Amino acid sequence: MNLYFNDAITHLKEWIKIKSVKSEAREGAPFGLGNKLMLERALSDAKALGFEVKNYDNYVGEVIFGDGADEDGLAVLCHLDVVPEGDEALWNVPPYSAVEKDGYLYGRGVVDDKGAAAICLFAMKQLKDEGFIPSKKIKLIFGCDEESGWGCIDHYNEVAVMPKMGFSPDGDFPVIYAEKGIYHIKYSLPVSNEVERVEGGERINVVCDKCSVLLKNGERLEFSGVSAHGSTPELGDNAIKKALGALVERGLFSEQCYEYLFNGRLFEKFVDESGVLTFSPNVICKNGDNLEIKVDVRYPVHYKLCEVDKALEKIGKFEVIEHKKPLYADKEGWLVKTLNAVYEKHTGEKAVSQVTGGGTYARALKTGVAFGPVFEGGAVCHVPNERLKITELEKCFNIYKDAIKELSK
């Protein structure tokens, strides 16, 4: 019986109401006041449940269950920051209202990743109250900068000790054993001086849904698209592509650059078991005589970065903003097999380990994987109307409770 599932949902709703989108750093709030407030709230809730908690300078926090050496413990890595809500007019409910509707819970962060964070916290509480004593220290880690650079994990590694093994409930079910390399870069490409201003995109890992162009003659062009996660640009409709296409038609931007940016032919050879290389120009602005274009690149796990660079350089010189190496875990290893067995027990379905273009905190571990909370076709995130079925959240509660127990008994 899930004694604490309803409590988890009640607290999750309050967490969703806190707008924890990264904003300007302030004293004591490295990722903005909203993120600080969210971390303090989550740790306060955990402390009220009887857990030891630690706040590392409002960069990151942890909830501790059990004893033992930190590096030999179990890490469950979640994040409390969220991507911007985008155009509120496209939401059926206010993005931070945490509304239940038609069997779903709506709200920015319910899927990515506050839902799993709350579920794991209360699953640990139920294990504790049932008398379970873990054989190792469990660390439920709450990061606050997952969507924008991982400064939280960098700080954690400076002031604390990360366990070698664990999982991040920030992907799909069943186990994700491989994650593509994440490469964020910025091009500066020439544009006609007839273009006064170009603005589009909010985050490099979110497909641009609005882009505007102002010409020197005073004409303004507006383009709309559909946002999507940067790892799956094919699910979106990029407004930057439409804007640059219009500039090409007017002879104001290079047709060759446009083709390189959007036709994908430069990257056709980059494919392996983790999928194809994805290339998504998601943020744009005009700076001097150039367009600055920030691109989200996800490259297959068995390719070297130098090989990717050679292809990218055909478009032009670029600046590296961020790079995260691919994740690749042993499909036959104990961690993957244990988590897949838990999934099969609670779903009755055969667990087939997966790969993804997304990036999770699992990369911060020596041996780590992503594990849920999304079941096939059951959730929407990084777009308007982010939502997850209540019944699937309850299934997650059972799975995560059992997973934490099996990995730490």
Protein backbone atom coordinates (compact mmCIF):
# COMPACT_ATOMS: atom_id res chain seq x y z
CA MET A 1 0.00 0.00 0.00
CA ASN A 2 1.32 3.44 -0.98
CA LEU A 3 0.93 5.33 2.27
CA TYR A 4 2.68 8.41 0.97
CA PHE A 5 1.71 8.68 -2.69
CA ASN A 6 -1.04 11.23 -2.06
CA ASP A 7 1.36 13.26 0.08
CA ALA A 8 3.87 13.17 -2.75
CA ILE A 9 1.29 14.60 -5.17
CA THR A 10 0.23 17.28 -2.68
CA HIS A 11 3.82 18.43 -2.23
CA LEU A 12 4.57 18.15 -5.95
CA LYS A 13 1.74 20.55 -6.72
CA GLU A 14 3.27 23.12 -4.39
CA TRP A 15 6.68 22.61 -5.96
CA ILE A 16 5.26 23.17 -9.46
CA LYS A 17 3.85 26.52 -8.32
CA ILE A 18 7.39 27.76 -7.72
CA LYS A 19 8.81 29.14 -10.97
CA SER A 20 12.32 27.71 -10.82
CA VAL A 21 13.60 28.94 -14.18
CA LYS A 22 17.25 30.00 -14.07
CA SER A 23 17.53 33.77 -13.76
CA GLU A 24 20.06 36.42 -12.81
CA ALA A 25 22.45 35.33 -10.09
CA ARG A 26 22.25 37.19 -6.78
CA GLU A 27 24.07 36.90 -3.52
CA GLY A 28 23.18 33.52 -2.04
CA ALA A 29 21.18 32.61 -5.16
CA PRO A 30 23.60 31.47 -7.89
CA PHE A 31 20.82 30.48 -10.27
CA GLY A 32 18.27 33.12 -9.30
CA LEU A 33 15.77 33.58 -6.50
CA GLY A 34 13.21 31.12 -7.88
CA ASN A 35 15.68 28.26 -7.94
CA LYS A 36 16.90 29.11 -4.44
CA LEU A 37 13.33 29.13 -3.14
CA MET A 38 12.60 25.79 -4.80
CA LEU A 39 15.66 24.11 -3.31
CA GLU A 40 14.93 25.48 0.15
CA ARG A 41 11.33 24.27 -0.08
CA ALA A 42 12.30 20.74 -1.17
CA LEU A 43 14.93 20.39 1.56
CA SER A 44 12.54 21.78 4.16
CA ASP A 45 9.94 19.21 3.16
CA ALA A 46 12.52 16.44 3.37
CA LYS A 47 13.69 17.58 6.79
CA ALA A 48 10.09 17.59 8.02
CA LEU A 49 9.90 13.94 6.94
CA GLY A 50 12.77 13.12 9.29
CA PHE A 51 15.68 13.02 6.85
CA GLU A 52 19.10 14.61 7.22
CA VAL A 53 19.51 17.29 4.56
CA LYS A 54 22.38 19.41 3.28
CA ASN A 55 22.26 22.60 1.25
CA TYR A 56 25.45 23.34 -0.62
CA ASP A 57 25.29 27.12 -1.00
CA ASN A 58 21.97 27.00 -2.88
CA TYR A 59 23.67 25.36 -5.86
CA VAL A 60 22.52 21.86 -4.98
CA GLY A 61 21.14 19.94 -2.03
CA GLU A 62 20.84 16.38 -0.85
CA VAL A 63 18.60 14.19 1.27
CA ILE A 64 20.44 11.44 3.14
CA PHE A 65 19.05 8.02 4.14
CA GLY A 66 21.35 5.48 5.77
CA ASP A 67 25.02 5.37 6.66
CA GLY A 68 28.28 4.46 4.99
CA ALA A 69 31.03 5.92 2.84
CA ASP A 70 29.77 8.55 0.42
CA GLU A 71 31.56 7.17 -2.64
CA ASP A 72 30.18 3.67 -2.01
CA GLY A 73 26.63 4.94 -1.65
CA LEU A 74 23.67 5.10 -4.02
CA ALA A 75 22.96 8.35 -5.85
CA VAL A 76 19.48 9.27 -7.06
CA LEU A 77 20.02 12.43 -9.08
CA CYS A 78 17.09 14.77 -9.77
CA HIS A 79 16.81 18.43 -10.72
CA LEU A 80 14.45 21.14 -9.52
CA ASP A 81 15.07 23.77 -12.22
CA VAL A 82 12.80 23.87 -15.26
CA VAL A 83 12.86 25.31 -18.76
CA PRO A 84 10.86 28.49 -19.45
CA GLU A 85 7.14 28.09 -20.01
CA GLY A 86 7.22 29.70 -23.47
CA ASP A 87 4.08 31.26 -24.89
CA GLU A 88 1.43 31.02 -22.15
CA ALA A 89 -1.29 31.41 -24.77
CA LEU A 90 -0.46 27.87 -25.93
CA TRP A 91 -1.15 26.37 -22.50
CA ASN A 92 -4.58 25.00 -21.66
CA VAL A 93 -3.91 25.79 -17.99
CA PRO A 94 -1.52 28.31 -16.39
CA PRO A 95 1.96 26.69 -16.53
CA TYR A 96 2.62 26.98 -12.79
CA SER A 97 -0.86 26.14 -11.53
CA ALA A 98 -0.42 22.35 -11.06
CA VAL A 99 -3.91 21.51 -12.32
CA GLU A 100 -5.37 17.99 -12.42
CA LYS A 101 -7.40 17.51 -15.58
CA ASP A 102 -8.68 14.39 -17.36
CA GLY A 103 -6.44 12.11 -15.30
CA TYR A 104 -3.29 14.15 -15.89
CA LEU A 105 -1.31 16.52 -13.69
CA TYR A 106 -0.34 19.61 -15.69
CA GLY A 107 2.47 22.04 -14.98
CA ARG A 108 6.00 23.01 -15.92
CA GLY A 109 8.28 20.51 -14.20
CA VAL A 110 5.79 17.72 -13.54
CA VAL A 111 7.75 15.50 -15.95
CA ASP A 112 11.09 17.27 -16.06
CA ASP A 113 11.98 16.70 -13.25
CA LYS A 114 10.04 17.76 -10.13
CA GLY A 115 7.59 14.87 -10.40
CA ALA A 116 10.29 12.22 -10.07
CA ALA A 117 12.07 14.21 -7.37
CA ALA A 118 8.95 14.34 -5.18
CA ILE A 119 8.06 10.71 -5.87
CA CYS A 120 11.55 9.49 -4.94
CA LEU A 121 11.54 11.55 -1.73
CA PHE A 122 8.26 10.07 -0.52
CA ALA A 123 9.20 6.57 -1.70
CA MET A 124 12.24 6.88 0.56
CA LYS A 125 9.98 8.03 3.39
CA GLN A 126 7.79 4.95 2.99
CA LEU A 127 10.83 2.66 2.96
CA LYS A 128 12.07 4.35 6.13
CA ASP A 129 8.73 3.97 7.90
CA GLU A 130 8.50 0.33 6.85
CA GLY A 131 11.72 -0.27 8.76
CA PHE A 132 14.02 -0.73 5.79
CA ILE A 133 17.67 -0.20 6.72
CA PRO A 134 19.86 0.38 3.64
CA SER A 135 23.27 -1.29 3.51
CA LYS A 136 24.78 1.90 2.10
CA LYS A 137 24.19 5.63 2.24
CA ILE A 138 21.47 6.80 -0.14
CA LYS A 139 21.81 10.33 -1.46
CA LEU A 140 18.79 11.91 -3.13
CA ILE A 141 20.48 14.84 -4.84
CA PHE A 142 18.54 17.92 -5.96
CA GLY A 143 20.35 20.00 -8.58
CA CYS A 144 19.27 23.49 -9.63
CA ASP A 145 21.07 24.04 -12.96
CA GLU A 146 20.49 20.92 -15.02
CA GLU A 147 18.78 22.74 -17.87
CA SER A 148 21.42 25.44 -18.26
CA GLY A 149 24.95 24.20 -17.71
CA TRP A 150 25.30 21.89 -14.71
CA GLY A 151 26.95 24.46 -12.48
CA CYS A 152 25.19 22.67 -9.62
CA ILE A 153 27.01 19.40 -10.26
CA ASP A 154 30.34 21.19 -10.70
CA HIS A 155 29.85 22.80 -7.29
CA TYR A 156 28.76 19.53 -5.70
CA ASN A 157 31.94 17.83 -6.85
CA GLU A 158 33.96 20.64 -5.26
CA VAL A 159 32.34 20.50 -1.83
CA ALA A 160 30.93 16.96 -1.48
CA VAL A 161 31.60 13.38 -2.58
CA MET A 162 29.50 11.91 -5.37
CA PRO A 163 28.65 8.19 -5.09
CA LYS A 164 30.09 6.09 -7.88
CA MET A 165 26.79 4.42 -8.78
CA GLY A 166 23.17 5.36 -9.18
CA PHE A 167 20.44 6.52 -11.50
CA SER A 168 18.71 9.67 -12.63
CA PRO A 169 14.88 9.52 -12.85
CA ASP A 170 14.92 12.03 -15.69
CA GLY A 171 14.36 10.04 -18.87
CA ASP A 172 12.24 7.16 -20.12
CA PHE A 173 11.40 3.66 -18.91
CA PRO A 174 12.92 1.13 -18.99
CA VAL A 175 16.66 1.74 -18.46
CA ILE A 176 18.51 4.17 -20.71
CA TYR A 177 22.07 2.83 -20.90
CA ALA A 178 23.46 5.21 -23.54
CA GLU A 179 23.14 8.96 -24.01
CA LYS A 180 24.56 10.85 -26.96
CA GLY A 181 27.29 13.41 -26.50
CA ILE A 182 25.92 16.92 -25.96
CA TYR A 183 27.71 19.72 -27.75
CA HIS A 184 26.53 23.31 -27.53
CA ILE A 185 28.24 25.68 -29.94
CA LYS A 186 27.88 29.19 -31.33
CA TYR A 187 28.42 30.34 -34.91
CA SER A 188 28.91 33.93 -36.08
CA LEU A 189 27.74 34.05 -39.68
CA PRO A 190 27.63 37.14 -41.92
CA VAL A 191 24.32 38.75 -42.78
CA SER A 192 23.37 41.73 -44.95
CA ASN A 193 23.52 45.15 -43.30
CA GLU A 194 19.94 45.55 -44.52
CA VAL A 195 19.00 43.43 -41.49
CA GLU A 196 18.64 45.58 -38.37
CA ARG A 197 17.77 42.95 -35.78
CA VAL A 198 17.03 39.24 -35.45
CA GLU A 199 15.80 37.67 -32.22
CA GLY A 200 14.64 34.14 -31.53
CA GLY A 201 14.84 31.35 -28.97
CA GLU A 202 15.17 31.28 -25.19
CA ARG A 203 17.26 28.21 -24.43
CA ILE A 204 19.83 26.36 -26.49
CA ASN A 205 18.22 23.01 -25.62
CA VAL A 206 14.70 24.01 -26.71
CA VAL A 207 13.61 24.26 -30.36
CA CYS A 208 12.81 27.91 -31.16
CA ASP A 209 9.08 28.59 -31.50
CA LYS A 210 9.22 32.35 -32.18
CA CYS A 211 11.64 34.45 -34.22
CA SER A 212 11.41 38.07 -35.33
CA VAL A 213 13.34 40.04 -37.94
CA LEU A 214 13.52 43.82 -38.27
CA LEU A 215 14.84 45.21 -41.55
CA LYS A 216 16.53 48.60 -41.96
CA ASN A 217 13.53 49.79 -43.99
CA GLY A 218 11.34 49.33 -40.91
CA GLU A 219 9.66 46.14 -42.11
CA ARG A 220 9.14 43.59 -39.33
CA LEU A 221 8.81 39.87 -40.02
CA GLU A 222 7.40 37.46 -37.43
CA PHE A 223 7.72 33.69 -37.58
CA SER A 224 6.12 31.03 -35.40
CA GLY A 225 6.95 27.37 -34.92
CA VAL A 226 6.54 24.62 -32.35
CA SER A 227 8.94 24.07 -29.47
CA ALA A 228 10.41 20.66 -28.62
CA HIS A 229 13.28 19.24 -26.63
CA GLY A 230 16.64 20.00 -28.24
CA SER A 231 17.44 16.29 -28.40
CA THR A 232 14.40 15.63 -30.62
CA PRO A 233 14.27 18.63 -32.99
CA GLU A 234 12.27 16.58 -35.49
CA LEU A 235 9.30 16.83 -33.10
CA GLY A 236 9.32 20.62 -33.31
CA ASP A 237 8.98 23.26 -35.99
CA ASN A 238 11.93 25.64 -35.87
CA ALA A 239 11.01 29.30 -36.30
CA ILE A 240 14.66 30.21 -36.96
CA LYS A 241 14.59 28.04 -40.07
CA LYS A 242 11.60 30.00 -41.35
CA ALA A 243 13.23 33.35 -40.56
CA LEU A 244 16.52 32.54 -42.27
CA GLY A 245 14.65 31.04 -45.20
CA ALA A 246 12.89 34.38 -45.67
CA LEU A 247 16.24 36.20 -45.55
CA VAL A 248 17.67 33.83 -48.17
CA GLU A 249 14.72 34.55 -50.46
CA ARG A 250 15.48 38.28 -50.16
CA GLY A 251 19.18 37.75 -50.83
CA LEU A 252 20.11 38.86 -47.30
CA PHE A 253 21.67 35.61 -46.01
CA SER A 254 23.83 32.91 -47.60
CA GLU A 255 21.85 30.11 -49.21
CA GLN A 256 24.78 27.75 -48.66
CA CYS A 257 24.88 28.53 -44.93
CA TYR A 258 21.14 28.02 -44.74
CA GLU A 259 21.42 24.62 -46.43
CA TYR A 260 24.23 23.53 -44.12
CA LEU A 261 22.29 24.63 -41.06
CA PHE A 262 19.05 22.89 -41.91
CA ASN A 263 19.33 20.14 -44.54
CA GLY A 264 21.32 17.68 -42.40
CA ARG A 265 23.52 16.32 -45.22
CA LEU A 266 26.73 17.22 -43.42
CA PHE A 267 25.90 14.74 -40.67
CA GLU A 268 24.35 11.77 -42.46
CA LYS A 269 27.31 9.47 -41.74
CA PHE A 270 27.08 9.98 -37.98
CA VAL A 271 24.89 7.11 -36.84
CA ASP A 272 25.26 4.11 -34.52
CA GLU A 273 23.22 2.16 -31.96
CA SER A 274 22.41 5.40 -30.14
CA GLY A 275 20.88 6.96 -33.24
CA VAL A 276 21.79 9.78 -35.61
CA LEU A 277 23.52 13.07 -34.95
CA THR A 278 20.99 15.86 -34.39
CA PHE A 279 21.76 19.50 -35.14
CA SER A 280 19.30 22.13 -33.95
CA PRO A 281 19.90 25.92 -34.23
CA ASN A 282 17.76 27.14 -31.33
CA VAL A 283 18.85 30.67 -30.36
CA ILE A 284 19.67 33.57 -32.67
CA CYS A 285 20.48 37.27 -32.47
CA LYS A 286 22.26 39.90 -34.58
CA ASN A 287 25.58 41.19 -33.29
CA GLY A 288 27.35 43.72 -35.48
CA ASP A 289 27.62 42.37 -39.02
CA ASN A 290 26.92 38.78 -37.99
CA LEU A 291 24.15 36.53 -36.85
CA GLU A 292 25.07 34.68 -33.66
CA ILE A 293 23.44 31.27 -33.81
CA LYS A 294 23.57 28.88 -30.87
CA VAL A 295 23.20 25.24 -31.84
CA ASP A 296 22.32 22.11 -29.85
CA VAL A 297 24.27 19.15 -31.25
CA ARG A 298 23.75 15.57 -30.01
CA TYR A 299 26.28 13.12 -31.44
CA PRO A 300 26.26 9.27 -31.34
CA VAL A 301 28.15 7.59 -28.51
CA HIS A 302 30.79 5.78 -30.58
CA TYR A 303 32.05 8.84 -32.47
CA LYS A 304 34.97 11.02 -31.46
CA LEU A 305 34.46 14.73 -30.96
CA CYS A 306 37.23 15.56 -33.43
CA GLU A 307 35.26 13.77 -36.16
CA VAL A 308 32.18 15.84 -35.35
CA ASP A 309 34.24 19.05 -35.34
CA LYS A 310 35.43 18.46 -38.90
CA ALA A 311 31.85 18.35 -40.14
CA LEU A 312 30.76 21.35 -38.07
CA GLU A 313 33.66 23.46 -39.37
CA LYS A 314 32.28 23.21 -42.91
CA ILE A 315 29.58 25.65 -41.84
CA GLY A 316 32.08 28.09 -40.35
CA LYS A 317 34.20 28.76 -37.31
CA PHE A 318 32.42 28.20 -34.06
CA GLU A 319 32.83 28.74 -30.34
CA VAL A 320 32.27 25.91 -27.88
CA ILE A 321 29.74 26.80 -25.18
CA GLU A 322 29.51 23.42 -23.46
CA HIS A 323 30.42 19.80 -24.02
CA LYS A 324 29.25 16.70 -22.18
CA LYS A 325 30.77 13.39 -23.19
CA PRO A 326 28.46 10.51 -24.12
CA LEU A 327 27.23 8.08 -21.49
CA TYR A 328 27.59 4.36 -22.11
CA ALA A 329 26.81 1.80 -19.41
CA ASP A 330 27.19 -1.97 -19.55
CA LYS A 331 23.88 -3.44 -20.69
CA GLU A 332 24.77 -6.70 -18.95
CA GLY A 333 25.93 -5.03 -15.74
CA TRP A 334 24.31 -5.38 -12.32
CA LEU A 335 22.83 -1.87 -12.28
CA VAL A 336 21.03 -2.20 -15.60
CA LYS A 337 19.83 -5.74 -14.92
CA THR A 338 18.54 -4.84 -11.45
CA LEU A 339 16.56 -1.84 -12.65
CA ASN A 340 15.14 -3.69 -15.64
CA ALA A 341 14.02 -6.51 -13.32
CA VAL A 342 12.19 -3.95 -11.16
CA TYR A 343 10.52 -2.48 -14.26
CA GLU A 344 9.38 -5.92 -15.42
CA LYS A 345 8.03 -6.79 -11.96
CA HIS A 346 5.81 -3.71 -11.83
CA THR A 347 4.70 -3.50 -15.45
CA GLY A 348 4.60 -7.09 -16.63
CA GLU A 349 6.43 -5.95 -19.76
CA LYS A 350 9.77 -7.12 -21.11
CA ALA A 351 12.44 -4.48 -20.40
CA VAL A 352 14.51 -3.58 -23.44
CA SER A 353 17.34 -1.20 -22.56
CA GLN A 354 17.25 2.05 -24.52
CA VAL A 355 19.39 4.88 -25.86
CA THR A 356 18.59 8.58 -25.98
CA GLY A 357 19.73 11.91 -27.33
CA GLY A 358 18.75 13.52 -24.06
CA GLY A 359 21.25 14.22 -21.33
CA THR A 360 20.79 13.41 -17.65
CA TYR A 361 22.73 13.65 -14.43
CA ALA A 362 23.60 9.96 -14.92
CA ARG A 363 26.70 11.28 -16.72
CA ALA A 364 27.92 12.63 -13.38
CA LEU A 365 28.37 9.07 -12.09
CA LYS A 366 31.08 6.53 -12.75
CA THR A 367 28.32 3.97 -13.32
CA GLY A 368 24.99 5.58 -13.98
CA VAL A 369 21.84 5.29 -16.09
CA ALA A 370 18.59 7.15 -16.61
CA PHE A 371 15.45 5.37 -15.42
CA GLY A 372 11.98 6.85 -16.02
CA PRO A 373 9.71 8.63 -15.19
CA VAL A 374 8.22 8.60 -18.69
CA PHE A 375 6.35 5.60 -20.05
CA GLU A 376 5.92 5.34 -23.81
CA GLY A 377 3.41 7.90 -25.02
CA GLY A 378 2.43 8.95 -21.51
CA ALA A 379 4.00 12.35 -21.02
CA VAL A 380 4.81 15.70 -22.60
CA CYS A 381 7.70 17.96 -21.56
CA HIS A 382 9.73 20.98 -22.74
CA VAL A 383 6.61 22.21 -24.56
CA PRO A 384 3.32 23.87 -23.56
CA ASN A 385 0.94 21.69 -21.53
CA GLU A 386 3.64 19.59 -19.88
CA ARG A 387 1.77 16.74 -18.21
CA LEU A 388 1.93 13.24 -16.81
CA LYS A 389 -0.86 10.79 -15.95
CA ILE A 390 -1.64 10.46 -12.24
CA THR A 391 -1.80 6.69 -12.64
CA GLU A 392 1.68 6.71 -14.15
CA LEU A 393 3.00 8.81 -11.29
CA GLU A 394 1.68 6.16 -8.91
CA LYS A 395 3.33 3.44 -10.97
CA CYS A 396 6.54 5.45 -10.71
CA PHE A 397 6.17 5.52 -6.92
CA ASN A 398 6.12 1.71 -6.80
CA ILE A 399 8.99 1.35 -9.25
CA TYR A 400 11.27 3.89 -7.57
CA LYS A 401 10.54 2.56 -4.09
CA ASP A 402 11.50 -0.93 -5.20
CA ALA A 403 14.50 0.27 -7.24
CA ILE A 404 16.00 2.19 -4.32
CA LYS A 405 15.46 -0.81 -2.06
CA GLU A 406 16.99 -3.33 -4.46
CA LEU A 407 20.05 -1.16 -5.12
CA SER A 408 20.73 -0.53 -1.45
CA LYS A 409 19.64 -3.66 0.42
